[in-house]
Amino acid sequence: MDILHRIGIEKSSPEKVYEAVTTLDGLSAWWARKTVGDTELGGVIAFRFTAGGFDMKVTELDPGRVVRWEVVDGPPEWVGTTIRWDIEQRGDYTIVLFKHEGWREAGEFMHHCSTKWAIFLMSLKQLLETGEGAPDPQDVAIGDWH
């Protein structure tokens, strides 16, 4: 089972989107303020949120087109799943097809994470269109799990 989202970003380019999902400065500006690690191929990025965190191994980088991570530490439901970003220019929009692939079951935590991914993807869009995102802890809280 997978979490799937699509966003279109105006006033940006595939290169700028790629930079926002492959650099520590970019990631900390829209997803988790506490982001550290190695964003190069084979490196591990540590994301720390108000409610916990996880580590991602960078498994694929195709500049301006594709980014893929494997979750190597964090909640049991996430470990072994992959995150994939497909990026392309279509007219005035940079389109991001987002996939969080390989969930073993569609439990309540997957429901929560799907909503949070949508919120953070909107933060990415906001960052690239306005210059300011809403990373954790400034993101929208959706319930008792934040």
Protein backbone atom coordinates (compact mmCIF):
# COMPACT_ATOMS: atom_id res chain seq x y z
CA MET A 1 0.00 0.00 0.00
CA ASP A 2 1.17 3.48 -0.82
CA ILE A 3 0.47 7.09 0.10
CA LEU A 4 0.18 9.09 -3.13
CA HIS A 5 -0.04 12.85 -3.64
CA ARG A 6 0.32 15.29 -6.55
CA ILE A 7 1.06 18.99 -6.25
CA GLY A 8 1.72 21.70 -8.82
CA ILE A 9 4.10 24.48 -7.85
CA GLU A 10 4.06 27.85 -9.59
CA LYS A 11 6.97 30.33 -9.71
CA SER A 12 9.48 27.52 -9.40
CA SER A 13 11.45 25.03 -11.47
CA PRO A 14 12.31 21.34 -11.20
CA GLU A 15 15.79 22.37 -10.08
CA LYS A 16 14.44 24.48 -7.20
CA VAL A 17 12.07 21.72 -6.09
CA TYR A 18 14.92 19.22 -6.25
CA GLU A 19 17.08 21.52 -4.11
CA ALA A 20 14.27 21.84 -1.54
CA VAL A 21 14.10 18.04 -1.13
CA THR A 22 17.83 17.28 -1.34
CA THR A 23 19.52 19.88 0.88
CA LEU A 24 19.46 20.28 4.66
CA ASP A 25 18.51 23.95 4.31
CA GLY A 26 15.69 23.10 1.93
CA LEU A 27 14.28 20.22 3.99
CA SER A 28 14.42 22.19 7.23
CA ALA A 29 12.54 25.08 5.60
CA TRP A 30 9.38 23.07 4.79
CA TRP A 31 9.43 19.71 6.63
CA ALA A 32 11.39 19.42 9.89
CA ARG A 33 13.44 22.28 11.35
CA LYS A 34 15.65 19.66 13.04
CA THR A 35 17.12 17.99 9.95
CA VAL A 36 20.75 16.79 9.93
CA GLY A 37 22.87 14.26 8.09
CA ASP A 38 24.25 13.47 4.66
CA THR A 39 22.02 14.23 1.67
CA GLU A 40 24.34 12.63 -0.90
CA LEU A 41 23.66 9.24 -2.52
CA GLY A 42 24.11 6.56 0.16
CA GLY A 43 23.94 9.11 2.99
CA VAL A 44 21.46 9.08 5.85
CA ILE A 45 19.30 12.07 6.76
CA ALA A 46 17.84 12.34 10.28
CA PHE A 47 14.51 14.15 10.63
CA ARG A 48 13.36 15.08 14.14
CA PHE A 49 9.83 16.27 14.81
CA THR A 50 7.90 17.35 17.89
CA ALA A 51 6.31 13.86 17.98
CA GLY A 52 9.42 11.79 17.12
CA GLY A 53 11.53 11.15 14.06
CA PHE A 54 13.07 8.83 11.52
CA ASP A 55 16.17 8.34 9.40
CA MET A 56 16.20 8.08 5.61
CA LYS A 57 18.92 6.58 3.45
CA VAL A 58 19.30 8.38 0.11
CA THR A 59 18.98 5.64 -2.55
CA GLU A 60 18.40 7.56 -5.79
CA LEU A 61 19.21 11.05 -7.03
CA ASP A 62 18.51 12.22 -10.58
CA PRO A 63 18.96 16.02 -10.45
CA GLY A 64 15.77 17.93 -11.21
CA ARG A 65 13.83 14.70 -11.80
CA VAL A 66 13.85 12.00 -9.08
CA VAL A 67 14.68 11.62 -5.40
CA ARG A 68 14.23 8.37 -3.47
CA TRP A 69 14.85 7.50 0.17
CA GLU A 70 14.54 4.30 2.18
CA VAL A 71 13.38 4.57 5.79
CA VAL A 72 16.08 2.87 7.88
CA ASP A 73 15.01 3.91 11.39
CA GLY A 74 11.85 5.25 13.00
CA PRO A 75 8.33 3.98 13.65
CA PRO A 76 8.00 0.25 12.80
CA GLU A 77 5.32 1.07 10.20
CA TRP A 78 7.84 3.24 8.32
CA VAL A 79 10.99 1.11 8.46
CA GLY A 80 11.57 -0.50 5.07
CA THR A 81 9.20 1.83 3.22
CA THR A 82 10.44 4.20 0.52
CA ILE A 83 9.75 7.83 -0.26
CA ARG A 84 9.87 8.84 -3.94
CA TRP A 85 9.63 12.28 -5.53
CA ASP A 86 9.09 12.49 -9.31
CA ILE A 87 9.54 16.07 -10.50
CA GLU A 88 8.83 17.57 -13.93
CA GLN A 89 7.94 20.83 -15.60
CA ARG A 90 4.48 21.02 -17.21
CA GLY A 91 3.68 24.43 -18.60
CA ASP A 92 3.72 27.01 -15.81
CA TYR A 93 3.84 24.35 -13.09
CA THR A 94 6.49 22.12 -11.63
CA ILE A 95 4.59 18.91 -10.89
CA VAL A 96 5.60 16.70 -7.97
CA LEU A 97 4.30 13.14 -7.86
CA PHE A 98 4.93 11.97 -4.32
CA LYS A 99 4.87 8.34 -3.19
CA HIS A 100 5.41 6.83 0.25
CA GLU A 101 5.60 3.22 -0.88
CA GLY A 102 5.48 -0.16 0.81
CA TRP A 103 3.16 0.18 3.80
CA ARG A 104 2.29 -3.26 5.15
CA GLU A 105 -1.20 -2.30 6.32
CA ALA A 106 -3.62 0.60 6.03
CA GLY A 107 -3.96 1.24 9.75
CA GLU A 108 -4.81 4.39 11.63
CA PHE A 109 -1.17 5.56 11.59
CA MET A 110 -1.13 5.40 7.78
CA HIS A 111 -4.26 7.58 7.71
CA HIS A 112 -2.52 10.10 9.97
CA CYS A 113 0.69 10.07 7.92
CA SER A 114 -1.19 10.55 4.65
CA THR A 115 -2.79 13.71 6.01
CA LYS A 116 0.53 14.96 7.42
CA TRP A 117 2.28 14.33 4.09
CA ALA A 118 -0.38 16.46 2.38
CA ILE A 119 0.18 19.24 4.92
CA PHE A 120 3.95 19.12 4.47
CA LEU A 121 3.67 19.01 0.67
CA MET A 122 1.59 22.18 0.90
CA SER A 123 4.39 23.61 3.05
CA LEU A 124 6.86 22.74 0.25
CA LYS A 125 4.58 24.46 -2.27
CA GLN A 126 4.26 27.48 0.02
CA LEU A 127 8.04 27.69 0.50
CA LEU A 128 8.74 27.67 -3.21
CA GLU A 129 5.93 30.06 -4.14
CA THR A 130 6.25 32.57 -1.29
CA GLY A 131 9.68 32.02 0.24
CA GLU A 132 8.36 30.70 3.55
CA GLY A 133 7.26 27.18 4.45
CA ALA A 134 5.62 25.80 7.59
CA PRO A 135 7.92 23.05 8.88
CA ASP A 136 7.53 21.23 12.18
CA PRO A 137 6.89 22.70 14.70
CA GLN A 138 5.03 25.44 12.76
CA ASP A 139 2.94 22.90 10.78
CA VAL A 140 -0.78 22.37 11.18
CA ALA A 141 -1.56 20.02 14.08
CA ILE A 142 -4.27 17.53 13.11
CA GLY A 143 -4.91 15.74 16.38
CA ASP A 144 -3.43 14.07 19.42
CA TRP A 145 -0.45 12.72 17.41
CA HIS A 146 0.26 16.31 16.24
